[in-house]
Amino acid sequence: MVLNRLMLSTGQSGMRDMTLSAAIAGAGIAGLAAATLLARRGWRVEIFDKSPAPAPVGSGLILQPVGLAVLNRLGCLQAISDRGARIDRLFGRVVPSNRIVLDVRYGSPGSGKHGIAVHRDTLFRALLTAARHEGLAITHSSNVASVVQGRGGEWLQMIDGARHGPFDLVIDGLGARSALSPGSGRELSYGALWASLDWPASGFMDNTLEQRYEYASCMAGVLPIGQPAGSDVRQAAFFWSIKQEHFDSWRRVPLDQWKEAVLRVWPQAIAFVDQIASHDDLVMARYRHRTRRDPVSGRTVHLGDSFHATSPQLGQGANMALLDALALDTALDMQPDLDTALGEYARMRATHVWLYQFISLVFTPFYQSDSRLVAALRDHLLSPASRLAPVQWLLGGMVAGELGYPLRAMRAAPFRGTPLAQGRDGSDAIIFPSP
């Protein structure tokens, strides 16, 4: 351990991190991104995942401009661009009035700012390919129970009794229910049913996340997610808001009864619900809100949902995980001592994480709750206010992941590879190809 710390402190380019080692617990977005960046530094990296084979969990997601900047750094952007769907707008109507209550664009026409929506498998494959390019492999069927300090450093204790180590650093990428990150947090009452379905020939906007609401207790959404690997067929992620406690009863109700409820809210959605043949075609996603006060526990660093989990209403989860990985890599560039670098990582992510966790906590009830009052406030107060130019600018920055300028906080360190660009208006931006 002393030798390792001295090697980190030498500051010799290309050699300083060579003898350090890291265990990555969880082969998700944060884990794979961090593994690749650490391997490029010359670290010895081992990845452990509980799944028996490589597999992403979930349907579709939006990679916002900040997340695309990190993917550009990782060398994954072209693969994402080739398979994903460009997203320019978030749009929602409330029924039965058909009033527009959500209309957010990323930037002014000609700004070039947009998101890219993909199937989770597309993102997973891109990150896995980048990790394998660095010579990394995943040890599967490895269910991490705890981190134990022992001879030579940190050891991973598995549920089956096996131990792996020693390591200089442990990356906790195990998600919202990580065994390495117990503590505060609460299950959100609302989750969502998801399915990846074929994109219809007409009736929906190609570059838009489109939603329909009935009060705040009912929400349907359609997100174009491009073409999954091995297919030339465009797809969409279709989702339906549902309380977690109602999931079992939903499965007992005839599927046609549920379809009628969907079509009552959104008749055009027949193009999607007709593709659903059984309850098993829909996957239940459950959400939790929790934020660790300190993302560093000794030599264990928490990234992604093990650090900050929340509702997907703002569409930031994957992007926050990617930013965490980049922040850790940047902190290691900025500070020669490993423990000091970990403190720098925590400082670097503090403002952005707190800000988005707070915004998510405030905004989610307007779209997923039982309150008729907040739904009325959304429709009659927030919706008109959102048409004002300053509010439009604020909302555009919010969905882009740019509030708090997370990338700017990382520019103090020298970057290897493609540099991060800055937008013409001074905001964080990246130049990337259109899908």
Protein backbone atom coordinates (compact mmCIF):
# COMPACT_ATOMS: atom_id res chain seq x y z
CA MET A 1 0.00 0.00 0.00
CA VAL A 2 2.86 2.42 0.81
CA LEU A 3 4.55 1.56 -2.48
CA ASN A 4 1.29 2.06 -4.34
CA ARG A 5 0.76 5.49 -2.83
CA LEU A 6 4.32 6.51 -3.66
CA MET A 7 3.84 5.39 -7.24
CA LEU A 8 0.70 7.50 -7.52
CA SER A 9 2.58 10.49 -6.17
CA THR A 10 5.48 10.39 -8.64
CA GLY A 11 3.60 12.36 -11.28
CA GLN A 12 5.49 10.58 -14.08
CA SER A 13 3.27 10.58 -17.16
CA GLY A 14 2.01 7.13 -18.15
CA MET A 15 3.72 5.43 -15.18
CA ARG A 16 2.31 6.95 -12.04
CA ASP A 17 -0.79 4.73 -11.66
CA MET A 18 0.75 1.55 -13.05
CA THR A 19 0.87 -0.50 -9.84
CA LEU A 20 -2.51 0.51 -8.44
CA SER A 21 -5.46 -1.87 -8.45
CA ALA A 22 -9.23 -1.50 -8.36
CA ALA A 23 -12.17 -3.84 -7.89
CA ILE A 24 -15.32 -2.83 -9.74
CA ALA A 25 -18.44 -4.13 -8.01
CA GLY A 26 -21.19 -4.11 -10.61
CA ALA A 27 -20.92 -4.14 -14.41
CA GLY A 28 -23.45 -1.39 -14.98
CA ILE A 29 -23.02 2.02 -16.56
CA ALA A 30 -20.92 3.55 -13.77
CA GLY A 31 -18.88 0.41 -13.20
CA LEU A 32 -17.93 -0.18 -16.83
CA ALA A 33 -17.15 3.49 -17.47
CA ALA A 34 -14.94 3.72 -14.38
CA ALA A 35 -13.24 0.42 -15.21
CA THR A 36 -12.29 1.63 -18.68
CA LEU A 37 -10.95 4.96 -17.47
CA LEU A 38 -8.90 3.36 -14.69
CA ALA A 39 -7.50 0.72 -17.05
CA ARG A 40 -6.33 3.48 -19.37
CA ARG A 41 -4.41 4.93 -16.46
CA GLY A 42 -2.47 1.67 -16.15
CA TRP A 43 -4.41 0.33 -13.15
CA ARG A 44 -5.00 -3.37 -12.67
CA VAL A 45 -8.80 -3.61 -12.80
CA GLU A 46 -11.09 -6.53 -12.00
CA ILE A 47 -14.86 -6.38 -12.58
CA PHE A 48 -17.33 -8.45 -10.56
CA ASP A 49 -21.03 -8.80 -11.35
CA LYS A 50 -23.80 -10.95 -9.89
CA SER A 51 -25.40 -11.79 -13.24
CA PRO A 52 -24.49 -15.15 -14.84
CA ALA A 53 -23.83 -13.43 -18.19
CA PRO A 54 -23.49 -9.87 -19.55
CA ALA A 55 -26.96 -8.35 -19.55
CA PRO A 56 -28.40 -4.83 -19.17
CA VAL A 57 -31.54 -4.22 -17.13
CA GLY A 58 -34.31 -1.97 -18.44
CA SER A 59 -35.70 -0.59 -21.67
CA GLY A 60 -34.78 2.86 -22.98
CA LEU A 61 -33.08 6.00 -21.71
CA ILE A 62 -31.97 9.43 -22.91
CA LEU A 63 -28.29 10.26 -22.99
CA GLN A 64 -28.16 13.99 -22.36
CA PRO A 65 -25.43 16.33 -23.65
CA VAL A 66 -23.36 15.92 -20.47
CA GLY A 67 -23.51 12.13 -20.74
CA LEU A 68 -22.62 12.27 -24.43
CA ALA A 69 -19.53 14.28 -23.52
CA VAL A 70 -18.35 11.45 -21.28
CA LEU A 71 -19.15 8.82 -23.91
CA ASN A 72 -17.09 10.86 -26.36
CA ARG A 73 -14.19 10.66 -23.92
CA LEU A 74 -14.67 6.90 -23.63
CA GLY A 75 -14.74 6.42 -27.40
CA CYS A 76 -18.34 5.14 -27.35
CA LEU A 77 -20.11 8.05 -28.97
CA GLN A 78 -20.11 6.81 -32.55
CA ALA A 79 -21.70 3.50 -31.58
CA ILE A 80 -24.38 5.34 -29.63
CA SER A 81 -24.99 7.79 -32.46
CA ASP A 82 -25.25 5.03 -35.06
CA ARG A 83 -27.93 3.12 -33.14
CA GLY A 84 -29.74 5.81 -31.17
CA ALA A 85 -32.52 8.29 -31.90
CA ARG A 86 -31.93 12.02 -31.74
CA ILE A 87 -34.13 13.75 -29.13
CA ASP A 88 -34.83 17.47 -29.51
CA ARG A 89 -37.92 17.89 -27.39
CA LEU A 90 -39.91 16.70 -24.38
CA PHE A 91 -43.63 17.13 -24.96
CA GLY A 92 -46.70 16.29 -22.89
CA ARG A 93 -50.46 16.85 -22.91
CA VAL A 94 -53.01 16.43 -20.15
CA VAL A 95 -56.30 14.66 -20.84
CA PRO A 96 -59.15 15.14 -21.40
CA SER A 97 -58.49 18.84 -22.17
CA ASN A 98 -55.52 18.02 -24.44
CA ARG A 99 -53.76 21.07 -22.98
CA ILE A 100 -49.98 21.18 -23.52
CA VAL A 101 -48.35 21.10 -20.08
CA LEU A 102 -44.80 20.10 -21.04
CA ASP A 103 -42.82 21.49 -23.97
CA VAL A 104 -39.07 21.63 -23.40
CA ARG A 105 -36.36 21.90 -26.04
CA TYR A 106 -32.63 21.54 -25.48
CA GLY A 107 -31.65 24.82 -27.06
CA SER A 108 -32.43 27.40 -29.68
CA PRO A 109 -32.76 26.27 -33.31
CA GLY A 110 -29.30 25.89 -34.79
CA SER A 111 -27.59 25.35 -31.43
CA GLY A 112 -26.99 21.69 -32.26
CA LYS A 113 -27.77 20.67 -28.69
CA HIS A 114 -29.82 17.49 -28.29
CA GLY A 115 -30.00 14.17 -26.54
CA ILE A 116 -29.74 10.65 -27.95
CA ALA A 117 -32.18 8.00 -26.78
CA VAL A 118 -31.08 4.36 -26.89
CA HIS A 119 -32.05 0.93 -25.72
CA ARG A 120 -30.10 0.09 -22.58
CA ASP A 121 -28.55 -2.82 -24.43
CA THR A 122 -27.03 -0.38 -26.94
CA LEU A 123 -25.33 1.61 -24.18
CA PHE A 124 -24.26 -1.53 -22.35
CA ARG A 125 -22.67 -3.02 -25.48
CA ALA A 126 -20.79 0.20 -26.22
CA LEU A 127 -19.38 0.41 -22.68
CA LEU A 128 -18.58 -3.31 -22.58
CA THR A 129 -16.73 -3.04 -25.90
CA ALA A 130 -14.67 -0.14 -24.54
CA ALA A 131 -13.80 -2.15 -21.42
CA ARG A 132 -12.83 -5.22 -23.44
CA HIS A 133 -10.67 -3.04 -25.66
CA GLU A 134 -8.62 -2.32 -22.52
CA GLY A 135 -8.26 -6.06 -21.90
CA LEU A 136 -10.88 -6.20 -19.15
CA ALA A 137 -13.21 -9.10 -18.45
CA ILE A 138 -16.12 -9.60 -16.05
CA THR A 139 -16.17 -12.23 -13.33
CA HIS A 140 -19.83 -13.26 -13.39
CA SER A 141 -22.02 -14.90 -10.74
CA SER A 142 -20.14 -12.88 -8.12
CA ASN A 143 -22.55 -11.43 -5.57
CA VAL A 144 -20.69 -8.87 -3.45
CA ALA A 145 -21.67 -8.78 0.22
CA SER A 146 -19.16 -6.36 1.76
CA VAL A 147 -15.72 -4.79 1.66
CA VAL A 148 -13.23 -6.00 4.26
CA GLN A 149 -9.97 -4.30 5.13
CA GLY A 150 -7.24 -6.89 5.31
CA ARG A 151 -3.65 -7.62 4.57
CA GLY A 152 -2.44 -5.51 1.67
CA GLY A 153 -5.60 -3.45 1.15
CA GLU A 154 -9.32 -3.85 0.47
CA TRP A 155 -10.95 -7.25 -0.08
CA LEU A 156 -14.32 -8.05 -1.63
CA GLN A 157 -16.32 -10.50 0.47
CA MET A 158 -18.80 -12.50 -1.62
CA ILE A 159 -22.08 -13.96 -0.40
CA ASP A 160 -20.79 -17.47 -1.14
CA GLY A 161 -17.83 -16.92 1.20
CA ALA A 162 -15.20 -16.28 -1.45
CA ARG A 163 -12.82 -13.34 -1.13
CA HIS A 164 -11.05 -11.36 -3.83
CA GLY A 165 -8.19 -8.96 -3.28
CA PRO A 166 -6.28 -7.11 -2.14
CA PHE A 167 -7.14 -3.89 -3.97
CA ASP A 168 -6.14 -0.27 -3.48
CA LEU A 169 -9.64 0.92 -4.39
CA VAL A 170 -13.16 -0.50 -4.57
CA ILE A 171 -15.74 1.04 -6.92
CA ASP A 172 -19.32 0.50 -5.79
CA GLY A 173 -21.45 0.40 -8.92
CA LEU A 174 -24.08 -1.96 -7.50
CA GLY A 175 -27.00 0.43 -7.85
CA ALA A 176 -29.71 1.82 -5.59
CA ARG A 177 -29.88 -1.31 -3.42
CA SER A 178 -26.14 -1.82 -3.11
CA ALA A 179 -24.99 -3.95 -0.19
CA LEU A 180 -21.97 -1.64 0.02
CA SER A 181 -24.11 1.47 0.46
CA PRO A 182 -26.70 0.84 3.17
CA GLY A 183 -28.48 3.68 4.86
CA SER A 184 -31.07 6.31 4.21
CA GLY A 185 -33.43 6.23 1.29
CA ARG A 186 -37.02 5.43 0.53
CA GLU A 187 -38.93 3.50 -2.06
CA LEU A 188 -40.96 5.75 -4.33
CA SER A 189 -44.63 4.84 -4.44
CA TYR A 190 -44.79 5.02 -8.22
CA GLY A 191 -42.85 2.90 -10.66
CA ALA A 192 -43.49 2.17 -14.32
CA LEU A 193 -44.26 -0.65 -16.73
CA TRP A 194 -41.84 -0.67 -19.67
CA ALA A 195 -41.65 -2.42 -23.03
CA SER A 196 -39.47 -2.05 -26.13
CA LEU A 197 -41.79 -2.07 -29.14
CA ASP A 198 -41.58 -1.45 -32.88
CA TRP A 199 -41.94 2.16 -34.00
CA PRO A 200 -45.18 2.79 -35.95
CA ALA A 201 -45.29 4.20 -39.47
CA SER A 202 -47.14 7.34 -38.35
CA GLY A 203 -48.83 9.09 -35.44
CA PHE A 204 -45.81 10.00 -33.28
CA MET A 205 -43.02 12.58 -33.39
CA ASP A 206 -39.68 11.06 -34.38
CA ASN A 207 -37.36 13.18 -32.23
CA THR A 208 -39.54 13.70 -29.19
CA LEU A 209 -40.20 12.09 -25.83
CA GLU A 210 -43.99 12.29 -25.83
CA GLN A 211 -46.23 11.84 -22.79
CA ARG A 212 -49.89 11.96 -21.78
CA TYR A 213 -51.15 12.66 -18.26
CA GLU A 214 -54.40 12.30 -16.37
CA TYR A 215 -53.95 14.29 -13.19
CA ALA A 216 -50.61 13.17 -11.73
CA SER A 217 -51.59 9.57 -11.03
CA CYS A 218 -51.69 8.40 -14.64
CA MET A 219 -48.91 8.80 -17.20
CA ALA A 220 -48.13 7.14 -20.52
CA GLY A 221 -45.01 7.82 -22.54
CA VAL A 222 -43.33 6.98 -25.82
CA LEU A 223 -39.59 7.42 -26.34
CA PRO A 224 -37.96 6.61 -29.71
CA ILE A 225 -34.82 4.58 -28.98
CA GLY A 226 -33.40 3.88 -32.43
CA GLN A 227 -32.35 0.45 -33.63
CA PRO A 228 -31.12 -2.17 -31.16
CA ALA A 229 -28.05 -4.23 -32.01
CA GLY A 230 -28.68 -6.83 -34.67
CA SER A 231 -31.85 -5.18 -35.95
CA ASP A 232 -32.76 -2.65 -38.63
CA VAL A 233 -36.19 -2.05 -37.09
CA ARG A 234 -36.66 1.23 -35.23
CA GLN A 235 -38.07 0.84 -31.75
CA ALA A 236 -39.67 2.86 -28.98
CA ALA A 237 -39.71 2.48 -25.23
CA PHE A 238 -43.35 2.54 -24.16
CA PHE A 239 -44.04 3.15 -20.47
CA TRP A 240 -47.05 3.36 -18.17
CA SER A 241 -46.94 4.79 -14.66
CA ILE A 242 -48.16 2.46 -11.91
CA LYS A 243 -47.96 2.36 -8.13
CA GLN A 244 -45.63 -0.34 -6.90
CA GLU A 245 -48.28 -1.71 -4.55
CA HIS A 246 -50.67 -2.18 -7.49
CA PHE A 247 -48.34 -4.31 -9.62
CA ASP A 248 -49.53 -7.71 -8.35
CA SER A 249 -53.18 -6.78 -8.78
CA TRP A 250 -52.42 -5.45 -12.28
CA ARG A 251 -51.07 -8.86 -13.25
CA ARG A 252 -54.33 -10.48 -12.13
CA VAL A 253 -56.51 -8.17 -14.23
CA PRO A 254 -57.16 -9.24 -17.86
CA LEU A 255 -54.68 -7.50 -20.15
CA ASP A 256 -57.45 -6.11 -22.37
CA GLN A 257 -58.82 -4.19 -19.40
CA TRP A 258 -55.46 -2.47 -18.94
CA LYS A 259 -55.26 -1.75 -22.68
CA GLU A 260 -58.63 -0.02 -22.51
CA ALA A 261 -57.31 2.22 -19.74
CA VAL A 262 -54.28 3.16 -21.85
CA LEU A 263 -56.37 3.93 -24.93
CA ARG A 264 -58.78 6.04 -22.90
CA VAL A 265 -55.84 8.29 -22.02
CA TRP A 266 -54.07 8.06 -25.39
CA PRO A 267 -56.07 6.55 -28.29
CA GLN A 268 -53.12 6.78 -30.71
CA ALA A 269 -51.16 4.42 -28.44
CA ILE A 270 -53.07 1.53 -30.02
CA ALA A 271 -50.07 1.23 -32.35
CA PHE A 272 -48.06 0.13 -29.31
CA VAL A 273 -50.53 -1.71 -27.09
CA ASP A 274 -51.52 -3.96 -30.00
CA GLN A 275 -47.95 -5.31 -29.90
CA ILE A 276 -48.33 -6.37 -26.25
CA ALA A 277 -49.65 -9.93 -26.03
CA SER A 278 -49.24 -10.71 -22.33
CA HIS A 279 -48.40 -9.19 -18.97
CA ASP A 280 -44.92 -10.68 -19.32
CA ASP A 281 -44.20 -8.36 -22.26
CA LEU A 282 -43.99 -5.49 -19.76
CA VAL A 283 -41.26 -5.11 -17.15
CA MET A 284 -41.91 -3.39 -13.84
CA ALA A 285 -39.33 -0.75 -12.91
CA ARG A 286 -39.19 0.23 -9.24
CA TYR A 287 -37.53 3.43 -8.08
CA ARG A 288 -35.90 4.66 -4.92
CA HIS A 289 -34.76 8.09 -3.76
CA ARG A 290 -31.58 8.25 -1.71
CA THR A 291 -28.43 10.36 -1.59
CA ARG A 292 -25.28 9.44 0.32
CA ARG A 293 -23.92 12.28 2.39
CA ASP A 294 -20.39 11.17 1.50
CA PRO A 295 -19.71 9.12 -1.66
CA VAL A 296 -16.38 7.93 -0.25
CA SER A 297 -16.09 5.34 2.51
CA GLY A 298 -12.40 4.82 3.20
CA ARG A 299 -11.11 3.30 -0.03
CA THR A 300 -14.60 2.48 -1.33
CA VAL A 301 -16.05 4.98 -3.80
CA HIS A 302 -19.75 5.01 -4.63
CA LEU A 303 -20.79 5.84 -8.19
CA GLY A 304 -24.17 6.02 -9.91
CA ASP A 305 -27.28 4.91 -8.06
CA SER A 306 -25.30 3.63 -5.07
CA PHE A 307 -24.39 7.31 -4.54
CA HIS A 308 -27.58 9.02 -5.75
CA ALA A 309 -30.78 7.26 -6.80
CA THR A 310 -34.04 8.93 -7.73
CA SER A 311 -37.05 8.92 -10.03
CA PRO A 312 -36.26 8.83 -13.78
CA GLN A 313 -38.58 11.80 -14.36
CA LEU A 314 -35.66 14.11 -15.23
CA GLY A 315 -33.93 11.48 -17.37
CA GLN A 316 -30.56 11.92 -15.65
CA GLY A 317 -29.64 8.55 -14.09
CA ALA A 318 -27.27 7.18 -16.74
CA ASN A 319 -25.77 10.62 -17.31
CA MET A 320 -25.06 11.14 -13.62
CA ALA A 321 -23.35 7.75 -13.48
CA LEU A 322 -21.13 8.65 -16.44
CA LEU A 323 -20.27 12.00 -14.85
CA ASP A 324 -19.30 10.22 -11.63
CA ALA A 325 -16.85 8.02 -13.53
CA LEU A 326 -15.32 11.00 -15.33
CA ALA A 327 -15.09 12.98 -12.09
CA LEU A 328 -13.15 10.17 -10.42
CA ASP A 329 -10.74 10.00 -13.35
CA THR A 330 -10.32 13.77 -13.31
CA ALA A 331 -9.71 13.82 -9.55
CA LEU A 332 -6.94 11.26 -9.99
CA ASP A 333 -5.34 13.63 -12.50
CA MET A 334 -5.67 16.60 -10.19
CA GLN A 335 -4.35 15.11 -6.95
CA PRO A 336 -1.17 13.03 -6.61
CA ASP A 337 -2.27 11.30 -3.40
CA LEU A 338 -5.04 8.69 -3.73
CA ASP A 339 -6.95 9.62 -0.58
CA THR A 340 -6.79 13.31 -1.47
CA ALA A 341 -8.03 12.48 -4.97
CA LEU A 342 -11.04 10.66 -3.51
CA GLY A 343 -11.89 13.73 -1.47
CA GLU A 344 -11.60 15.82 -4.63
CA TYR A 345 -14.04 13.47 -6.38
CA ALA A 346 -16.58 13.99 -3.61
CA ARG A 347 -16.15 17.77 -3.78
CA MET A 348 -16.40 17.82 -7.56
CA ARG A 349 -19.74 16.00 -7.65
CA ALA A 350 -21.35 17.56 -4.56
CA THR A 351 -23.16 20.55 -6.10
CA HIS A 352 -24.45 18.87 -9.24
CA VAL A 353 -25.69 15.77 -7.41
CA TRP A 354 -27.39 17.78 -4.67
CA LEU A 355 -29.04 20.07 -7.21
CA TYR A 356 -30.54 17.31 -9.35
CA GLN A 357 -31.58 15.21 -6.39
CA PHE A 358 -33.43 18.22 -5.01
CA ILE A 359 -35.05 19.08 -8.36
CA SER A 360 -36.16 15.47 -8.83
CA LEU A 361 -37.65 15.37 -5.35
CA VAL A 362 -39.63 18.56 -6.06
CA PHE A 363 -40.72 17.84 -9.64
CA THR A 364 -41.61 14.14 -9.50
CA PRO A 365 -44.92 14.62 -7.60
CA PHE A 366 -46.17 16.85 -10.42
CA TYR A 367 -46.09 13.81 -12.72
CA GLN A 368 -46.27 10.80 -10.40
CA SER A 369 -48.40 11.23 -7.30
CA ASP A 370 -51.95 10.97 -6.00
CA SER A 371 -52.27 14.72 -5.44
CA ARG A 372 -54.92 16.51 -7.49
CA LEU A 373 -53.60 19.82 -6.14
CA VAL A 374 -50.08 19.49 -7.57
CA ALA A 375 -51.57 18.35 -10.89
CA ALA A 376 -53.69 21.51 -10.97
CA LEU A 377 -50.65 23.65 -10.14
CA ARG A 378 -48.74 21.96 -12.96
CA ASP A 379 -51.52 22.58 -15.48
CA HIS A 380 -52.49 26.13 -14.53
CA LEU A 381 -49.32 27.65 -13.05
CA LEU A 382 -46.17 25.82 -14.10
CA SER A 383 -47.30 25.21 -17.66
CA PRO A 384 -47.94 28.91 -18.50
CA ALA A 385 -44.73 29.92 -16.71
CA SER A 386 -42.72 27.43 -18.77
CA ARG A 387 -43.49 29.44 -21.93
CA LEU A 388 -41.50 32.43 -20.64
CA ALA A 389 -38.07 32.71 -22.26
CA PRO A 390 -36.01 32.62 -19.03
CA VAL A 391 -37.93 29.57 -17.80
CA GLN A 392 -37.49 27.85 -21.17
CA TRP A 393 -33.74 28.42 -20.91
CA LEU A 394 -33.71 27.04 -17.37
CA LEU A 395 -35.75 23.95 -18.29
CA GLY A 396 -33.57 23.31 -21.34
CA GLY A 397 -30.45 23.38 -19.18
CA MET A 398 -32.13 21.18 -16.59
CA VAL A 399 -33.01 18.35 -18.99
CA ALA A 400 -29.58 18.63 -20.65
CA GLY A 401 -27.99 17.92 -17.26
CA GLU A 402 -26.08 21.20 -17.34
CA LEU A 403 -27.37 23.00 -14.25
CA GLY A 404 -24.46 23.40 -11.88
CA TYR A 405 -22.02 23.15 -14.82
CA PRO A 406 -20.79 19.63 -13.99
CA LEU A 407 -18.27 19.40 -16.85
CA ARG A 408 -16.79 22.79 -16.08
CA ALA A 409 -15.88 21.51 -12.63
CA MET A 410 -13.73 18.85 -14.28
CA ARG A 411 -11.83 21.01 -16.76
CA ALA A 412 -9.06 21.95 -14.34
CA ALA A 413 -7.38 18.61 -14.99
CA PRO A 414 -5.58 17.69 -18.22
CA PHE A 415 -7.65 15.35 -20.38
CA ARG A 416 -6.25 12.54 -22.46
CA GLY A 417 -7.95 11.94 -25.79
CA THR A 418 -10.69 14.12 -27.26
CA PRO A 419 -11.09 17.34 -25.23
CA LEU A 420 -14.45 18.49 -23.99
CA ALA A 421 -15.83 21.38 -26.00
CA GLN A 422 -17.61 24.46 -24.75
CA GLY A 423 -20.82 25.80 -26.23
CA ARG A 424 -20.95 29.17 -27.95
CA ASP A 425 -22.92 30.55 -25.02
CA GLY A 426 -20.28 29.39 -22.54
CA SER A 427 -22.30 26.42 -21.31
CA ASP A 428 -20.99 22.87 -21.28
CA ALA A 429 -21.44 21.23 -24.66
CA ILE A 430 -19.87 18.64 -26.90
CA ILE A 431 -19.79 18.41 -30.66
CA PHE A 432 -21.10 15.03 -31.69
CA PRO A 433 -22.47 13.52 -34.93
CA SER A 434 -26.19 13.39 -35.51
CA PRO A 435 -27.70 9.90 -35.59
